Amino acid sequence: MSIPEPKRTLEGHCSAIHDNTLYVYSPSGLQSLPLKENATWVEEKSGTSVTGAVCVEASANGEPALYVIGGEASADDYNGLQRYIFGSKKWETLSPPGFDLKGRTNHSAAYLSDSQSILVYAGSTPEAPSYLSSQTFLISTTEPYNIESFVSSAAPANQPILLPWNEHQAVMAGGSPFSNVVFTFDRDAGWQQLGTNLTETLDPGVRATLVQGSDG
């Protein structure tokens, strides 16, 4: 079976899987690929072009959507948050208060369904560049898209692995050559050590997924 060629080059991209379809966002646009035999890439409507963003599937007023968080854009009025509604195939540019997401790169994000919010960890902006960061933000996916900031006790990182741990917690690991500690985040408790560490450190940009065992 031949590998389907994307319509546009996949560089600086992020992705999510919804309804058995892979959606890949890059500065050149949004493309999708049904995960079935002999499928071909489809060019979807494009939102604001940004470089260095991260993608998360989350709720948009009860509808599943692809959120594009952070990234550097050429438009001065872009505040770092947009979403693509899978059902209607429409883009919405959101305007969260403040500039915490504007121009942010080298960060990671995870959706916490219990609070309908997106956790963002690490990253930096052009005005405050940093290789490793422990900045922590929680973004509401409902209007007015408020952003909460948290003091972090987790290790500073660059593009760490950040995944939902359950409905109200996220788990974070890697993203630093100096720490092998695994952390969890809870809105009420903040960052806590999980108690199980990695056998070695993971460099920035390493990706992973969670595999659930029979014991939960």
C-alpha atoms as a PDB file:
ATOM      1  CA  MET A   1       0.000   0.000   0.000  1.00  0.00           C
ATOM      2  CA  SER A   2       1.453   3.372  -1.016  1.00  0.00           C
ATOM      3  CA  ILE A   3       1.631   6.230   1.465  1.00  0.00           C
ATOM      4  CA  PRO A   4      -0.726   9.091   0.508  1.00  0.00           C
ATOM      5  CA  GLU A   5       1.085  12.343  -0.237  1.00  0.00           C
ATOM      6  CA  PRO A   6      -0.227  15.473   1.536  1.00  0.00           C
ATOM      7  CA  LYS A   7      -1.383  18.380  -0.607  1.00  0.00           C
ATOM      8  CA  ARG A   8       0.947  20.737   1.224  1.00  0.00           C
ATOM      9  CA  THR A   9       4.278  20.209   2.964  1.00  0.00           C
ATOM     10  CA  LEU A  10       3.980  19.149   6.594  1.00  0.00           C
ATOM     11  CA  GLU A  11       6.432  21.397   8.421  1.00  0.00           C
ATOM     12  CA  GLY A  12       5.998  22.983  11.834  1.00  0.00           C
ATOM     13  CA  HIS A  13       2.702  21.135  12.144  1.00  0.00           C
ATOM     14  CA  CYS A  14       0.510  19.811  14.940  1.00  0.00           C
ATOM     15  CA  SER A  15      -2.293  17.287  14.723  1.00  0.00           C
ATOM     16  CA  ALA A  16      -5.330  15.612  16.270  1.00  0.00           C
ATOM     17  CA  ILE A  17      -7.519  12.615  15.439  1.00  0.00           C
ATOM     18  CA  HIS A  18     -11.301  13.047  15.346  1.00  0.00           C
ATOM     19  CA  ASP A  19     -13.928  10.624  14.110  1.00  0.00           C
ATOM     20  CA  ASN A  20     -11.255   8.301  12.683  1.00  0.00           C
ATOM     21  CA  THR A  21      -9.749  11.155  10.660  1.00  0.00           C
ATOM     22  CA  LEU A  22      -6.311  12.688  11.109  1.00  0.00           C
ATOM     23  CA  TYR A  23      -6.290  16.505  11.016  1.00  0.00           C
ATOM     24  CA  VAL A  24      -2.924  18.199  10.550  1.00  0.00           C
ATOM     25  CA  TYR A  25      -2.494  21.945  10.963  1.00  0.00           C
ATOM     26  CA  SER A  26       0.583  23.701   9.586  1.00  0.00           C
ATOM     27  CA  PRO A  27       1.408  27.313   8.685  1.00  0.00           C
ATOM     28  CA  SER A  28       0.374  26.461   5.096  1.00  0.00           C
ATOM     29  CA  GLY A  29      -3.123  25.315   6.079  1.00  0.00           C
ATOM     30  CA  LEU A  30      -5.262  22.506   7.489  1.00  0.00           C
ATOM     31  CA  GLN A  31      -5.362  19.063   5.882  1.00  0.00           C
ATOM     32  CA  SER A  32      -7.219  15.883   6.798  1.00  0.00           C
ATOM     33  CA  LEU A  33      -6.714  12.196   6.068  1.00  0.00           C
ATOM     34  CA  PRO A  34      -9.365   9.533   6.770  1.00  0.00           C
ATOM     35  CA  LEU A  35      -7.700   6.621   8.550  1.00  0.00           C
ATOM     36  CA  LYS A  36      -8.776   3.930   6.123  1.00  0.00           C
ATOM     37  CA  GLU A  37      -7.303   2.065   3.188  1.00  0.00           C
ATOM     38  CA  ASN A  38      -6.738   4.024  -0.052  1.00  0.00           C
ATOM     39  CA  ALA A  39      -7.642   7.340   1.589  1.00  0.00           C
ATOM     40  CA  THR A  40      -6.251  10.588   0.190  1.00  0.00           C
ATOM     41  CA  TRP A  41      -5.477  13.925   1.805  1.00  0.00           C
ATOM     42  CA  VAL A  42      -8.129  16.657   1.751  1.00  0.00           C
ATOM     43  CA  GLU A  43      -7.444  20.382   1.992  1.00  0.00           C
ATOM     44  CA  GLU A  44      -9.726  21.953   4.587  1.00  0.00           C
ATOM     45  CA  LYS A  45     -10.551  25.615   5.102  1.00  0.00           C
ATOM     46  CA  SER A  46      -7.593  27.531   6.520  1.00  0.00           C
ATOM     47  CA  GLY A  47      -7.601  29.733   9.576  1.00  0.00           C
ATOM     48  CA  THR A  48      -4.972  32.274  10.620  1.00  0.00           C
ATOM     49  CA  SER A  49      -1.498  31.101   9.599  1.00  0.00           C
ATOM     50  CA  VAL A  50       0.794  30.702  12.611  1.00  0.00           C
ATOM     51  CA  THR A  51       4.152  29.028  13.187  1.00  0.00           C
ATOM     52  CA  GLY A  52       5.026  27.057  16.313  1.00  0.00           C
ATOM     53  CA  ALA A  53       1.484  26.460  17.560  1.00  0.00           C
ATOM     54  CA  VAL A  54       0.164  23.348  19.324  1.00  0.00           C
ATOM     55  CA  CYS A  55      -3.112  21.515  18.645  1.00  0.00           C
ATOM     56  CA  VAL A  56      -5.663  20.101  21.072  1.00  0.00           C
ATOM     57  CA  GLU A  57      -9.070  18.550  20.455  1.00  0.00           C
ATOM     58  CA  ALA A  58     -11.534  20.092  22.895  1.00  0.00           C
ATOM     59  CA  SER A  59     -15.163  21.116  23.264  1.00  0.00           C
ATOM     60  CA  ALA A  60     -16.556  24.269  21.675  1.00  0.00           C
ATOM     61  CA  ASN A  61     -19.952  24.843  23.280  1.00  0.00           C
ATOM     62  CA  GLY A  62     -20.607  21.122  23.202  1.00  0.00           C
ATOM     63  CA  GLU A  63     -19.199  20.549  19.721  1.00  0.00           C
ATOM     64  CA  PRO A  64     -15.817  18.876  19.101  1.00  0.00           C
ATOM     65  CA  ALA A  65     -13.206  21.261  17.753  1.00  0.00           C
ATOM     66  CA  LEU A  66      -9.522  21.549  16.966  1.00  0.00           C
ATOM     67  CA  TYR A  67      -7.920  24.326  19.015  1.00  0.00           C
ATOM     68  CA  VAL A  68      -4.724  25.933  17.708  1.00  0.00           C
ATOM     69  CA  ILE A  69      -2.899  27.501  20.636  1.00  0.00           C
ATOM     70  CA  GLY A  70      -0.106  30.039  20.477  1.00  0.00           C
ATOM     71  CA  GLY A  71       2.296  30.372  17.571  1.00  0.00           C
ATOM     72  CA  GLU A  72       3.752  33.387  15.842  1.00  0.00           C
ATOM     73  CA  ALA A  73       1.495  35.124  13.318  1.00  0.00           C
ATOM     74  CA  SER A  74       2.068  37.965  10.893  1.00  0.00           C
ATOM     75  CA  ALA A  75      -1.215  39.597  11.966  1.00  0.00           C
ATOM     76  CA  ASP A  76      -0.635  42.009  14.863  1.00  0.00           C
ATOM     77  CA  ASP A  77      -4.194  41.633  16.164  1.00  0.00           C
ATOM     78  CA  TYR A  78      -4.029  37.815  16.492  1.00  0.00           C
ATOM     79  CA  ASN A  79      -4.060  36.929  20.186  1.00  0.00           C
ATOM     80  CA  GLY A  80      -2.912  33.324  19.977  1.00  0.00           C
ATOM     81  CA  LEU A  81      -6.120  31.273  19.987  1.00  0.00           C
ATOM     82  CA  GLN A  82      -8.332  29.891  17.217  1.00  0.00           C
ATOM     83  CA  ARG A  83     -10.455  26.806  16.705  1.00  0.00           C
ATOM     84  CA  TYR A  84     -11.831  24.717  13.847  1.00  0.00           C
ATOM     85  CA  ILE A  85     -15.300  23.251  14.412  1.00  0.00           C
ATOM     86  CA  PHE A  86     -15.261  19.750  12.925  1.00  0.00           C
ATOM     87  CA  GLY A  87     -19.019  19.560  12.306  1.00  0.00           C
ATOM     88  CA  SER A  88     -19.551  22.895  10.531  1.00  0.00           C
ATOM     89  CA  LYS A  89     -15.988  23.063   9.125  1.00  0.00           C
ATOM     90  CA  LYS A  90     -15.691  26.677  10.264  1.00  0.00           C
ATOM     91  CA  TRP A  91     -12.831  28.586  11.865  1.00  0.00           C
ATOM     92  CA  GLU A  92     -13.302  30.926  14.808  1.00  0.00           C
ATOM     93  CA  THR A  93     -10.650  33.364  15.999  1.00  0.00           C
ATOM     94  CA  LEU A  94     -10.979  33.837  19.749  1.00  0.00           C
ATOM     95  CA  SER A  95      -9.839  36.778  21.851  1.00  0.00           C
ATOM     96  CA  PRO A  96      -8.764  35.696  25.329  1.00  0.00           C
ATOM     97  CA  PRO A  97      -7.852  38.522  27.719  1.00  0.00           C
ATOM     98  CA  GLY A  98      -4.167  39.361  27.983  1.00  0.00           C
ATOM     99  CA  PHE A  99      -1.266  38.369  25.768  1.00  0.00           C
ATOM    100  CA  ASP A 100      -0.063  35.148  27.386  1.00  0.00           C
ATOM    101  CA  LEU A 101      -0.699  33.103  24.218  1.00  0.00           C
ATOM    102  CA  LYS A 102       0.314  35.710  21.646  1.00  0.00           C
ATOM    103  CA  GLY A 103       3.465  34.588  19.885  1.00  0.00           C
ATOM    104  CA  ARG A 104       3.999  31.705  22.326  1.00  0.00           C
ATOM    105  CA  THR A 105       6.155  28.836  21.042  1.00  0.00           C
ATOM    106  CA  ASN A 106       7.880  25.731  22.503  1.00  0.00           C
ATOM    107  CA  HIS A 107       4.895  25.032  24.762  1.00  0.00           C
ATOM    108  CA  SER A 108       2.539  22.067  25.174  1.00  0.00           C
ATOM    109  CA  ALA A 109      -1.184  21.772  25.893  1.00  0.00           C
ATOM    110  CA  ALA A 110      -3.795  19.276  27.112  1.00  0.00           C
ATOM    111  CA  TYR A 111      -7.581  19.415  27.455  1.00  0.00           C
ATOM    112  CA  LEU A 112      -9.204  18.930  30.865  1.00  0.00           C
ATOM    113  CA  SER A 113     -12.797  17.961  30.063  1.00  0.00           C
ATOM    114  CA  ASP A 114     -14.125  18.277  33.618  1.00  0.00           C
ATOM    115  CA  SER A 115     -13.492  22.038  33.689  1.00  0.00           C
ATOM    116  CA  GLN A 116     -13.757  22.538  29.906  1.00  0.00           C
ATOM    117  CA  SER A 117     -10.346  24.157  29.940  1.00  0.00           C
ATOM    118  CA  ILE A 118      -7.003  23.797  28.178  1.00  0.00           C
ATOM    119  CA  LEU A 119      -3.822  23.524  30.201  1.00  0.00           C
ATOM    120  CA  VAL A 120      -0.779  25.210  28.639  1.00  0.00           C
ATOM    121  CA  TYR A 121       2.699  24.617  30.044  1.00  0.00           C
ATOM    122  CA  ALA A 122       6.118  26.058  29.203  1.00  0.00           C
ATOM    123  CA  GLY A 123       6.963  28.095  26.117  1.00  0.00           C
ATOM    124  CA  SER A 124       8.036  31.673  25.665  1.00  0.00           C
ATOM    125  CA  THR A 125       7.129  34.774  23.683  1.00  0.00           C
ATOM    126  CA  PRO A 126       9.288  37.087  21.516  1.00  0.00           C
ATOM    127  CA  GLU A 127       9.174  39.711  24.281  1.00  0.00           C
ATOM    128  CA  ALA A 128      10.369  37.213  26.901  1.00  0.00           C
ATOM    129  CA  PRO A 129      12.405  34.461  25.197  1.00  0.00           C
ATOM    130  CA  SER A 130      13.393  31.464  27.308  1.00  0.00           C
ATOM    131  CA  TYR A 131      14.693  27.997  26.452  1.00  0.00           C
ATOM    132  CA  LEU A 132      13.136  26.305  29.491  1.00  0.00           C
ATOM    133  CA  SER A 133       9.970  27.617  31.112  1.00  0.00           C
ATOM    134  CA  SER A 134       7.561  26.633  33.875  1.00  0.00           C
ATOM    135  CA  GLN A 135       4.800  29.084  32.996  1.00  0.00           C
ATOM    136  CA  THR A 136       1.378  27.499  33.539  1.00  0.00           C
ATOM    137  CA  PHE A 137      -1.936  28.703  32.152  1.00  0.00           C
ATOM    138  CA  LEU A 138      -5.471  27.338  32.173  1.00  0.00           C
ATOM    139  CA  ILE A 139      -7.696  28.619  29.360  1.00  0.00           C
ATOM    140  CA  SER A 140     -11.468  28.369  29.481  1.00  0.00           C
ATOM    141  CA  THR A 141     -13.019  27.120  26.217  1.00  0.00           C
ATOM    142  CA  THR A 142     -16.194  29.109  26.905  1.00  0.00           C
ATOM    143  CA  GLU A 143     -16.648  32.872  26.648  1.00  0.00           C
ATOM    144  CA  PRO A 144     -14.976  35.103  27.651  1.00  0.00           C
ATOM    145  CA  TYR A 145     -12.096  32.562  27.406  1.00  0.00           C
ATOM    146  CA  ASN A 146     -10.500  33.630  30.673  1.00  0.00           C
ATOM    147  CA  ILE A 147      -6.889  32.647  31.370  1.00  0.00           C
ATOM    148  CA  GLU A 148      -5.706  31.642  34.838  1.00  0.00           C
ATOM    149  CA  SER A 149      -2.008  31.517  35.678  1.00  0.00           C
ATOM    150  CA  PHE A 150      -0.436  29.218  38.280  1.00  0.00           C
ATOM    151  CA  VAL A 151       2.810  29.146  40.222  1.00  0.00           C
ATOM    152  CA  SER A 152       4.666  26.022  39.113  1.00  0.00           C
ATOM    153  CA  SER A 153       6.581  23.521  41.210  1.00  0.00           C
ATOM    154  CA  ALA A 154       7.170  21.346  38.126  1.00  0.00           C
ATOM    155  CA  ALA A 155      10.467  21.255  36.268  1.00  0.00           C
ATOM    156  CA  PRO A 156      11.005  23.963  33.623  1.00  0.00           C
ATOM    157  CA  ALA A 157      10.653  22.442  30.173  1.00  0.00           C
ATOM    158  CA  ASN A 158      10.627  22.994  26.428  1.00  0.00           C
ATOM    159  CA  GLN A 159       7.866  21.230  24.434  1.00  0.00           C
ATOM    160  CA  PRO A 160       7.265  18.613  27.147  1.00  0.00           C
ATOM    161  CA  ILE A 161       4.939  15.637  26.846  1.00  0.00           C
ATOM    162  CA  LEU A 162       1.614  16.915  28.239  1.00  0.00           C
ATOM    163  CA  LEU A 163      -1.440  14.649  28.118  1.00  0.00           C
ATOM    164  CA  PRO A 164      -4.816  14.281  29.857  1.00  0.00           C
ATOM    165  CA  TRP A 165      -4.402  11.905  32.821  1.00  0.00           C
ATOM    166  CA  ASN A 166      -8.125  11.787  33.572  1.00  0.00           C
ATOM    167  CA  GLU A 167     -11.057  14.217  33.293  1.00  0.00           C
ATOM    168  CA  HIS A 168      -9.549  16.773  35.671  1.00  0.00           C
ATOM    169  CA  GLN A 169      -5.801  16.074  35.647  1.00  0.00           C
ATOM    170  CA  ALA A 170      -2.960  16.219  33.133  1.00  0.00           C
ATOM    171  CA  VAL A 171       0.399  14.440  33.227  1.00  0.00           C
ATOM    172  CA  MET A 172       3.688  16.048  32.158  1.00  0.00           C
ATOM    173  CA  ALA A 173       7.104  14.521  31.471  1.00  0.00           C
ATOM    174  CA  GLY A 174      10.226  15.208  29.431  1.00  0.00           C
ATOM    175  CA  GLY A 175      11.105  18.380  27.633  1.00  0.00           C
ATOM    176  CA  SER A 176      14.323  18.853  29.591  1.00  0.00           C
ATOM    177  CA  PRO A 177      17.797  17.305  29.714  1.00  0.00           C
ATOM    178  CA  PHE A 178      17.878  18.027  33.456  1.00  0.00           C
ATOM    179  CA  SER A 179      14.765  16.318  34.857  1.00  0.00           C
ATOM    180  CA  ASN A 180      13.266  12.843  34.661  1.00  0.00           C
ATOM    181  CA  VAL A 181      10.447  13.571  37.126  1.00  0.00           C
ATOM    182  CA  VAL A 182       6.837  12.962  36.052  1.00  0.00           C
ATOM    183  CA  PHE A 183       4.276  15.497  37.284  1.00  0.00           C
ATOM    184  CA  THR A 184       0.492  15.773  37.369  1.00  0.00           C
ATOM    185  CA  PHE A 185      -1.538  18.967  37.314  1.00  0.00           C
ATOM    186  CA  ASP A 186      -4.853  19.520  39.076  1.00  0.00           C
ATOM    187  CA  ARG A 187      -6.666  22.843  39.074  1.00  0.00           C
ATOM    188  CA  ASP A 188      -7.042  22.761  42.872  1.00  0.00           C
ATOM    189  CA  ALA A 189      -3.760  21.089  43.854  1.00  0.00           C
ATOM    190  CA  GLY A 190      -1.548  22.554  41.130  1.00  0.00           C
ATOM    191  CA  TRP A 191       1.563  20.594  40.111  1.00  0.00           C
ATOM    192  CA  GLN A 192       2.444  17.452  42.078  1.00  0.00           C
ATOM    193  CA  GLN A 193       5.052  14.734  41.563  1.00  0.00           C
ATOM    194  CA  LEU A 194       3.424  11.526  40.313  1.00  0.00           C
ATOM    195  CA  GLY A 195       5.828   9.347  42.290  1.00  0.00           C
ATOM    196  CA  THR A 196       7.059   7.375  39.289  1.00  0.00           C
ATOM    197  CA  ASN A 197       9.991   8.854  37.367  1.00  0.00           C
ATOM    198  CA  LEU A 198      11.410   8.182  33.921  1.00  0.00           C
ATOM    199  CA  THR A 199      14.509   5.996  33.736  1.00  0.00           C
ATOM    200  CA  GLU A 200      16.213   8.758  31.737  1.00  0.00           C
ATOM    201  CA  THR A 201      15.513  12.309  30.605  1.00  0.00           C
ATOM    202  CA  LEU A 202      13.677  13.071  27.359  1.00  0.00           C
ATOM    203  CA  ASP A 203      14.732  15.854  25.016  1.00  0.00           C
ATOM    204  CA  PRO A 204      12.374  18.668  23.986  1.00  0.00           C
ATOM    205  CA  GLY A 205       9.908  17.715  21.275  1.00  0.00           C
ATOM    206  CA  VAL A 206       9.711  13.988  22.068  1.00  0.00           C
ATOM    207  CA  ARG A 207       6.084  12.833  21.689  1.00  0.00           C
ATOM    208  CA  ALA A 208       4.165  10.066  23.461  1.00  0.00           C
ATOM    209  CA  THR A 209       0.706   8.682  24.087  1.00  0.00           C
ATOM    210  CA  LEU A 210      -0.931   7.022  27.066  1.00  0.00           C
ATOM    211  CA  VAL A 211      -1.731   3.317  26.888  1.00  0.00           C
ATOM    212  CA  GLN A 212      -4.315   2.199  29.421  1.00  0.00           C
ATOM    213  CA  GLY A 213      -3.705  -1.192  31.003  1.00  0.00           C
ATOM    214  CA  SER A 214      -6.258  -3.698  32.218  1.00  0.00           C
ATOM    215  CA  ASP A 215      -5.738  -2.376  35.778  1.00  0.00           C
ATOM    216  CA  GLY A 216      -6.767   1.126  34.737  1.00  0.00           C
END
